[in-house]
Amino acid sequence: MNLREIGNVLKLPLGIVGTVAGAIFTGISSYALFYEGEVPLLKDIGDWWWWVLIISAVVLIAGAYYLGDGIWRRRKFKALVYNKKRSEFIKNEKEIYGLLTGLPKKYREIVDKRKKELKIKE
């Protein structure tokens, strides 16, 4: 398994983790900065709250992008592959293979299986 395949497999879980962690730390740091509240577990951070806010906002945006991209690719893939018409599958084949670049390897196997079902030659 190469690095690209690992990235494709982990894109959705990393998106979920990044979005949740970014949202939590953005909320905590915003509370500490703007409402001057003390966060008991993190009170020793001192004046570093601005850095926590900036980094957590970047993680939130990146996580949301990965999450959205992963969900979008999977939905579009399913819509294009699981249609009833053979002609529609052939027409959208280029787009299907374009979506495969950002999806795990199991989706390639789904395309191969679907091509056999629809009796499409390579």
Foldseek 3Di string as FASTA:
>chain_A
DDPLQVCLVCLQVLLVVLQVQLVVQLVVLCCCPVVVDADVVPNVPPPCSVVSNVVSPVSNVSSPVSNVLSVVLVVVLCVQLPDDDPVSVVVCVVVNVVSVSNHHPVSVVSNVVSCVVSVHDD
